Amino acid sequence: QVQLVESGGGLVQAGGSLKLSCAASGGTFSRYVMGWFRQAPGKEREFVATCNWSGRITYYSDSVKGRFTTSRDTAENTVYLQMNSLKPEDTAVYYCAADVTLTRLSTSWTTYDYWGQGTQVTVSS
């Protein structure tokens, strides 16, 4: 059973930065595609970023491209989401997810098998 625990959320002013962490346990982290999603109140869960097992291949949604960067530390079983130039519209609960069955990147939340509990990010204007 894979467990994912996010941390690093909080309140920040527009233009500021936050770095989210997602610590994995209970599985073979180095094999998994990892993804980040977010969900704002009243909205559907939205893809943010994903990276392959090594972290060398990444893909981002258009809304965060150039501002957010995902990376992973295999030795620490942790994936990160560095968020810069934050905007009020980035306000949401952010989730990390692990895809343990596929090796290709996916932007669909339905392909991910395990999820963290989420961490709140609030960007004030």
C-alpha atoms as a PDB file:
ATOM      1  CA  GLN A   1       0.000   0.000   0.000  1.00  0.00           C
ATOM      2  CA  VAL A   2       1.469   3.311  -1.106  1.00  0.00           C
ATOM      3  CA  GLN A   3       1.032   6.271   1.207  1.00  0.00           C
ATOM      4  CA  LEU A   4       1.552   9.875   0.135  1.00  0.00           C
ATOM      5  CA  VAL A   5       1.794  12.822   2.506  1.00  0.00           C
ATOM      6  CA  GLU A   6       1.870  16.387   1.217  1.00  0.00           C
ATOM      7  CA  SER A   7       3.242  19.375   3.072  1.00  0.00           C
ATOM      8  CA  GLY A   8       4.281  22.945   2.404  1.00  0.00           C
ATOM      9  CA  GLY A   9       0.980  24.617   1.701  1.00  0.00           C
ATOM     10  CA  GLY A  10      -0.015  27.921   3.222  1.00  0.00           C
ATOM     11  CA  LEU A  11      -1.019  31.530   2.655  1.00  0.00           C
ATOM     12  CA  VAL A  12       1.089  33.688   0.357  1.00  0.00           C
ATOM     13  CA  GLN A  13       0.672  36.995  -1.401  1.00  0.00           C
ATOM     14  CA  ALA A  14       0.343  37.206  -5.146  1.00  0.00           C
ATOM     15  CA  GLY A  15       3.754  37.047  -6.771  1.00  0.00           C
ATOM     16  CA  GLY A  16       5.169  34.941  -3.971  1.00  0.00           C
ATOM     17  CA  SER A  17       6.438  31.373  -3.909  1.00  0.00           C
ATOM     18  CA  LEU A  18       5.744  28.111  -2.141  1.00  0.00           C
ATOM     19  CA  LYS A  19       7.316  24.685  -2.366  1.00  0.00           C
ATOM     20  CA  LEU A  20       5.140  21.654  -1.825  1.00  0.00           C
ATOM     21  CA  SER A  21       6.559  18.283  -0.832  1.00  0.00           C
ATOM     22  CA  CYS A  22       5.033  14.855  -1.178  1.00  0.00           C
ATOM     23  CA  ALA A  23       6.650  12.045   0.780  1.00  0.00           C
ATOM     24  CA  ALA A  24       5.946   8.511  -0.388  1.00  0.00           C
ATOM     25  CA  SER A  25       6.142   5.281   1.565  1.00  0.00           C
ATOM     26  CA  GLY A  26       5.072   1.675   1.240  1.00  0.00           C
ATOM     27  CA  GLY A  27       6.032   1.110  -2.373  1.00  0.00           C
ATOM     28  CA  THR A  28       8.747   1.339  -4.979  1.00  0.00           C
ATOM     29  CA  PHE A  29       8.770   5.082  -5.443  1.00  0.00           C
ATOM     30  CA  SER A  30      11.497   5.063  -8.082  1.00  0.00           C
ATOM     31  CA  ARG A  31       9.195   3.248 -10.514  1.00  0.00           C
ATOM     32  CA  TYR A  32       6.181   5.512 -10.302  1.00  0.00           C
ATOM     33  CA  VAL A  33       4.953   8.337 -12.456  1.00  0.00           C
ATOM     34  CA  MET A  34       4.044  11.139 -10.055  1.00  0.00           C
ATOM     35  CA  GLY A  35       1.468  13.836 -10.628  1.00  0.00           C
ATOM     36  CA  TRP A  36       0.190  17.011  -9.040  1.00  0.00           C
ATOM     37  CA  PHE A  37      -3.435  18.066  -9.212  1.00  0.00           C
ATOM     38  CA  ARG A  38      -5.451  20.816  -7.589  1.00  0.00           C
ATOM     39  CA  GLN A  39      -9.074  21.451  -6.790  1.00  0.00           C
ATOM     40  CA  ALA A  40     -10.618  24.797  -6.027  1.00  0.00           C
ATOM     41  CA  PRO A  41     -14.026  25.109  -4.313  1.00  0.00           C
ATOM     42  CA  GLY A  42     -16.827  24.369  -6.719  1.00  0.00           C
ATOM     43  CA  LYS A  43     -14.456  23.275  -9.467  1.00  0.00           C
ATOM     44  CA  GLU A  44     -13.321  19.947 -10.841  1.00  0.00           C
ATOM     45  CA  ARG A  45      -9.935  18.463 -10.032  1.00  0.00           C
ATOM     46  CA  GLU A  46      -7.390  19.956 -12.395  1.00  0.00           C
ATOM     47  CA  PHE A  47      -4.090  18.600 -13.662  1.00  0.00           C
ATOM     48  CA  VAL A  48      -1.052  20.669 -12.717  1.00  0.00           C
ATOM     49  CA  ALA A  49       2.166  18.744 -13.411  1.00  0.00           C
ATOM     50  CA  THR A  50       3.633  15.294 -13.793  1.00  0.00           C
ATOM     51  CA  CYS A  51       7.064  13.709 -13.974  1.00  0.00           C
ATOM     52  CA  ASN A  52       8.405  10.316 -14.945  1.00  0.00           C
ATOM     53  CA  TRP A  53      10.292   7.918 -12.675  1.00  0.00           C
ATOM     54  CA  SER A  54      13.582   9.799 -12.968  1.00  0.00           C
ATOM     55  CA  GLY A  55      12.142  13.307 -12.906  1.00  0.00           C
ATOM     56  CA  ARG A  56      13.867  14.130 -16.175  1.00  0.00           C
ATOM     57  CA  ILE A  57      10.664  14.139 -18.193  1.00  0.00           C
ATOM     58  CA  THR A  58       8.010  16.556 -17.030  1.00  0.00           C
ATOM     59  CA  TYR A  59       4.802  18.009 -18.337  1.00  0.00           C
ATOM     60  CA  TYR A  60       2.762  20.972 -17.134  1.00  0.00           C
ATOM     61  CA  SER A  61      -0.639  22.455 -17.667  1.00  0.00           C
ATOM     62  CA  ASP A  62      -0.673  25.649 -19.696  1.00  0.00           C
ATOM     63  CA  SER A  63      -1.898  27.584 -16.673  1.00  0.00           C
ATOM     64  CA  VAL A  64       1.271  26.885 -14.653  1.00  0.00           C
ATOM     65  CA  LYS A  65       3.907  26.366 -17.341  1.00  0.00           C
ATOM     66  CA  GLY A  66       6.894  28.614 -16.741  1.00  0.00           C
ATOM     67  CA  ARG A  67       5.894  29.275 -13.126  1.00  0.00           C
ATOM     68  CA  PHE A  68       5.799  25.814 -11.525  1.00  0.00           C
ATOM     69  CA  THR A  69       8.484  23.130 -11.510  1.00  0.00           C
ATOM     70  CA  THR A  70       8.151  19.553 -10.372  1.00  0.00           C
ATOM     71  CA  SER A  71      11.122  17.454  -9.327  1.00  0.00           C
ATOM     72  CA  ARG A  72      11.817  14.344  -7.329  1.00  0.00           C
ATOM     73  CA  ASP A  73      14.429  12.989  -4.989  1.00  0.00           C
ATOM     74  CA  THR A  74      14.439   9.224  -5.333  1.00  0.00           C
ATOM     75  CA  ALA A  75      16.741   8.743  -2.375  1.00  0.00           C
ATOM     76  CA  GLU A  76      14.276  10.612  -0.178  1.00  0.00           C
ATOM     77  CA  ASN A  77      11.149   9.129  -1.825  1.00  0.00           C
ATOM     78  CA  THR A  78       9.863  12.655  -2.244  1.00  0.00           C
ATOM     79  CA  VAL A  79       8.430  14.669  -5.098  1.00  0.00           C
ATOM     80  CA  TYR A  80       8.307  18.451  -5.064  1.00  0.00           C
ATOM     81  CA  LEU A  81       6.298  21.221  -6.659  1.00  0.00           C
ATOM     82  CA  GLN A  82       8.046  24.592  -6.678  1.00  0.00           C
ATOM     83  CA  MET A  83       5.480  27.305  -7.310  1.00  0.00           C
ATOM     84  CA  ASN A  84       6.648  30.773  -8.276  1.00  0.00           C
ATOM     85  CA  SER A  85       4.831  33.934  -9.351  1.00  0.00           C
ATOM     86  CA  LEU A  86       1.708  32.705  -7.635  1.00  0.00           C
ATOM     87  CA  LYS A  87      -1.632  34.161  -8.624  1.00  0.00           C
ATOM     88  CA  PRO A  88      -4.958  34.267  -6.741  1.00  0.00           C
ATOM     89  CA  GLU A  89      -6.348  31.790  -9.276  1.00  0.00           C
ATOM     90  CA  ASP A  90      -3.772  29.251  -8.051  1.00  0.00           C
ATOM     91  CA  THR A  91      -5.707  29.026  -4.781  1.00  0.00           C
ATOM     92  CA  ALA A  92      -6.777  25.416  -4.285  1.00  0.00           C
ATOM     93  CA  VAL A  93      -6.144  22.213  -2.410  1.00  0.00           C
ATOM     94  CA  TYR A  94      -3.120  20.575  -4.023  1.00  0.00           C
ATOM     95  CA  TYR A  95      -2.791  16.806  -4.229  1.00  0.00           C
ATOM     96  CA  CYS A  96       0.075  14.578  -5.235  1.00  0.00           C
ATOM     97  CA  ALA A  97      -0.671  11.241  -6.829  1.00  0.00           C
ATOM     98  CA  ALA A  98       1.186   8.118  -7.859  1.00  0.00           C
ATOM     99  CA  ASP A  99       0.586   6.034 -10.961  1.00  0.00           C
ATOM    100  CA  VAL A 100       1.976   2.585 -10.194  1.00  0.00           C
ATOM    101  CA  THR A 101       0.737   0.804 -13.297  1.00  0.00           C
ATOM    102  CA  LEU A 102       1.779   2.934 -16.256  1.00  0.00           C
ATOM    103  CA  THR A 103       5.140   4.310 -17.307  1.00  0.00           C
ATOM    104  CA  ARG A 104       3.913   7.117 -19.535  1.00  0.00           C
ATOM    105  CA  LEU A 105       2.909  10.518 -18.218  1.00  0.00           C
ATOM    106  CA  SER A 106      -0.785  11.215 -17.793  1.00  0.00           C
ATOM    107  CA  THR A 107      -2.814  14.358 -17.219  1.00  0.00           C
ATOM    108  CA  SER A 108      -5.959  12.431 -16.278  1.00  0.00           C
ATOM    109  CA  TRP A 109      -6.630  12.009 -12.583  1.00  0.00           C
ATOM    110  CA  THR A 110      -8.384   8.702 -13.308  1.00  0.00           C
ATOM    111  CA  THR A 111      -5.103   6.993 -14.192  1.00  0.00           C
ATOM    112  CA  TYR A 112      -3.493   7.638 -10.821  1.00  0.00           C
ATOM    113  CA  ASP A 113      -3.771   4.937  -8.190  1.00  0.00           C
ATOM    114  CA  TYR A 114      -2.795   6.582  -4.907  1.00  0.00           C
ATOM    115  CA  TRP A 115      -3.441  10.060  -3.561  1.00  0.00           C
ATOM    116  CA  GLY A 116      -2.258  12.209  -0.726  1.00  0.00           C
ATOM    117  CA  GLN A 117      -4.591  13.982   1.654  1.00  0.00           C
ATOM    118  CA  GLY A 118      -4.040  17.366   0.042  1.00  0.00           C
ATOM    119  CA  THR A 119      -2.548  20.627   1.222  1.00  0.00           C
ATOM    120  CA  GLN A 120      -4.221  24.035   1.021  1.00  0.00           C
ATOM    121  CA  VAL A 121      -2.586  26.808  -0.976  1.00  0.00           C
ATOM    122  CA  THR A 122      -4.136  30.246  -0.671  1.00  0.00           C
ATOM    123  CA  VAL A 123      -2.868  33.195  -2.700  1.00  0.00           C
ATOM    124  CA  SER A 124      -4.086  36.612  -1.643  1.00  0.00           C
ATOM    125  CA  SER A 125      -4.343  39.531  -4.039  1.00  0.00           C
END
